[in-house]
Amino acid sequence: MATGRAKMELDGFLLQDWTTECGESATDVVIQNLEFVADVSRAAKVVARFDVLDCTNANLHLQTAKVPDKKYWRNSKTLTGRDSVVLTRDAGLTSDFMENFLRWSIVATGGSWKVTFRIQLFLK
């Protein structure tokens, strides 16, 4: 039975392929390099999927900003353990705060920290 809705195809890519980041200091902060930040400003629909296999003594943040200047980034979602989370933006409605640019950052919360994760983006 037809519902009158056309199927929306999304173009997918990896914002970050599986990676493991680790360190020994509780004051460590690791931020995705600016050249790999995702520009989602032209997308009408955005789906971001976090997959985290390990998050020990650290917080993994998906950050968003209207412009990619370092002073405007803020956290949209924070993960603190093994988890999978999906964030969406569709026609201005969002599951969590999402602006024009997306990146990840890691903030250590204790010594000897480790984070293993992947972030997929799907855009229309």
Protein backbone atom coordinates (compact mmCIF):
# COMPACT_ATOMS: atom_id res chain seq x y z
CA MET A 1 0.00 0.00 0.00
CA ALA A 2 1.44 3.39 -0.99
CA THR A 3 1.71 6.01 1.73
CA GLY A 4 2.35 8.99 -0.53
CA ARG A 5 5.90 9.45 0.81
CA ALA A 6 8.91 9.17 -1.43
CA LYS A 7 11.86 7.25 -0.03
CA MET A 8 14.68 9.65 0.85
CA GLU A 9 18.14 8.43 -0.11
CA LEU A 10 20.98 9.68 2.09
CA ASP A 11 24.63 9.96 1.06
CA GLY A 12 26.81 8.39 3.74
CA PHE A 13 30.43 8.89 4.67
CA LEU A 14 32.70 8.49 7.67
CA LEU A 15 33.42 11.56 9.77
CA GLN A 16 35.84 9.30 11.63
CA ASP A 17 36.62 5.67 10.76
CA TRP A 18 37.33 3.29 13.63
CA THR A 19 40.13 4.77 15.67
CA THR A 20 41.60 4.39 19.13
CA GLU A 21 42.91 7.46 20.92
CA CYS A 22 44.66 7.07 24.26
CA GLY A 23 46.84 8.91 26.75
CA GLU A 24 48.21 8.93 30.27
CA SER A 25 47.21 12.37 31.59
CA ALA A 26 43.91 13.34 33.17
CA THR A 27 44.29 16.79 31.57
CA ASP A 28 44.50 15.53 27.95
CA VAL A 29 42.18 17.01 25.32
CA VAL A 30 42.19 15.66 21.74
CA ILE A 31 40.24 17.53 19.04
CA GLN A 32 39.57 16.44 15.46
CA ASN A 33 41.80 18.33 13.03
CA LEU A 34 40.04 21.27 11.39
CA GLU A 35 40.74 19.94 7.88
CA PHE A 36 38.52 16.90 8.62
CA VAL A 37 35.57 18.77 10.20
CA ALA A 38 32.22 18.03 8.48
CA ASP A 39 30.39 20.91 6.80
CA VAL A 40 26.68 19.99 6.96
CA SER A 41 25.40 23.52 6.27
CA ARG A 42 23.88 22.63 2.88
CA ALA A 43 22.20 19.42 3.98
CA ALA A 44 18.45 19.46 4.60
CA LYS A 45 18.68 16.19 6.52
CA VAL A 46 21.62 15.06 8.68
CA VAL A 47 22.00 11.78 10.57
CA ALA A 48 25.12 11.30 12.71
CA ARG A 49 25.76 7.84 14.18
CA PHE A 50 28.27 7.38 17.01
CA ASP A 51 29.57 3.87 17.69
CA VAL A 52 31.78 3.60 20.77
CA LEU A 53 33.50 0.32 21.67
CA ASP A 54 35.52 1.67 24.60
CA CYS A 55 35.47 4.92 26.54
CA THR A 56 37.62 4.55 29.65
CA ASN A 57 38.44 7.58 31.82
CA ALA A 58 37.30 10.01 29.10
CA ASN A 59 34.32 11.74 27.52
CA LEU A 60 33.73 11.67 23.75
CA HIS A 61 31.89 14.75 22.47
CA LEU A 62 30.19 15.46 19.15
CA GLN A 63 30.67 19.19 18.82
CA THR A 64 28.87 21.67 16.59
CA ALA A 65 29.40 25.27 15.49
CA LYS A 66 27.81 27.80 13.16
CA VAL A 67 31.32 28.67 11.84
CA PRO A 68 34.50 26.58 12.29
CA ASP A 69 36.31 29.19 14.40
CA LYS A 70 37.74 27.55 17.54
CA LYS A 71 35.86 29.79 20.00
CA TYR A 72 32.36 28.85 18.74
CA TRP A 73 32.39 25.05 19.19
CA ARG A 74 30.07 23.54 21.79
CA ASN A 75 29.03 20.05 22.76
CA SER A 76 25.95 18.57 21.13
CA LYS A 77 26.22 15.08 22.63
CA THR A 78 28.58 13.45 25.14
CA LEU A 79 29.30 9.73 25.44
CA THR A 80 31.00 8.26 28.47
CA GLY A 81 30.91 4.51 27.82
CA ARG A 82 30.31 1.78 25.27
CA ASP A 83 27.27 2.91 23.31
CA SER A 84 25.68 3.68 19.93
CA VAL A 85 23.79 6.94 19.51
CA VAL A 86 22.06 8.55 16.53
CA LEU A 87 21.56 12.32 16.23
CA THR A 88 19.34 13.80 13.53
CA ARG A 89 18.47 17.14 11.96
CA ASP A 90 15.60 17.26 9.48
CA ALA A 91 13.93 20.45 8.20
CA GLY A 92 15.19 22.41 11.22
CA LEU A 93 14.04 19.86 13.81
CA THR A 94 16.84 18.18 15.76
CA SER A 95 17.20 15.34 18.23
CA ASP A 96 20.07 17.31 19.78
CA PHE A 97 21.63 20.67 19.00
CA MET A 98 23.30 20.58 15.54
CA GLU A 99 24.62 23.57 13.55
CA ASN A 100 26.60 23.91 10.29
CA PHE A 101 29.85 22.16 11.25
CA LEU A 102 30.49 18.92 13.17
CA ARG A 103 33.62 17.45 14.77
CA TRP A 104 34.61 15.17 17.65
CA SER A 105 36.68 15.87 20.73
CA ILE A 106 37.91 13.77 23.64
CA VAL A 107 38.42 15.08 27.16
CA ALA A 108 40.24 12.84 29.63
CA THR A 109 38.58 12.41 33.02
CA GLY A 110 41.33 10.29 34.59
CA GLY A 111 44.84 9.06 33.98
CA SER A 112 45.43 6.23 31.50
CA TRP A 113 42.42 6.95 29.27
CA LYS A 114 41.33 5.24 26.04
CA VAL A 115 38.53 5.78 23.50
CA THR A 116 37.71 3.55 20.51
CA PHE A 117 34.99 4.92 18.23
CA ARG A 118 33.59 5.60 14.77
CA ILE A 119 31.26 8.37 13.53
CA GLN A 120 29.17 7.99 10.37
CA LEU A 121 27.30 10.83 8.68
CA PHE A 122 24.37 10.54 6.31
CA LEU A 123 23.31 13.66 4.40
CA LYS A 124 20.52 14.67 2.05
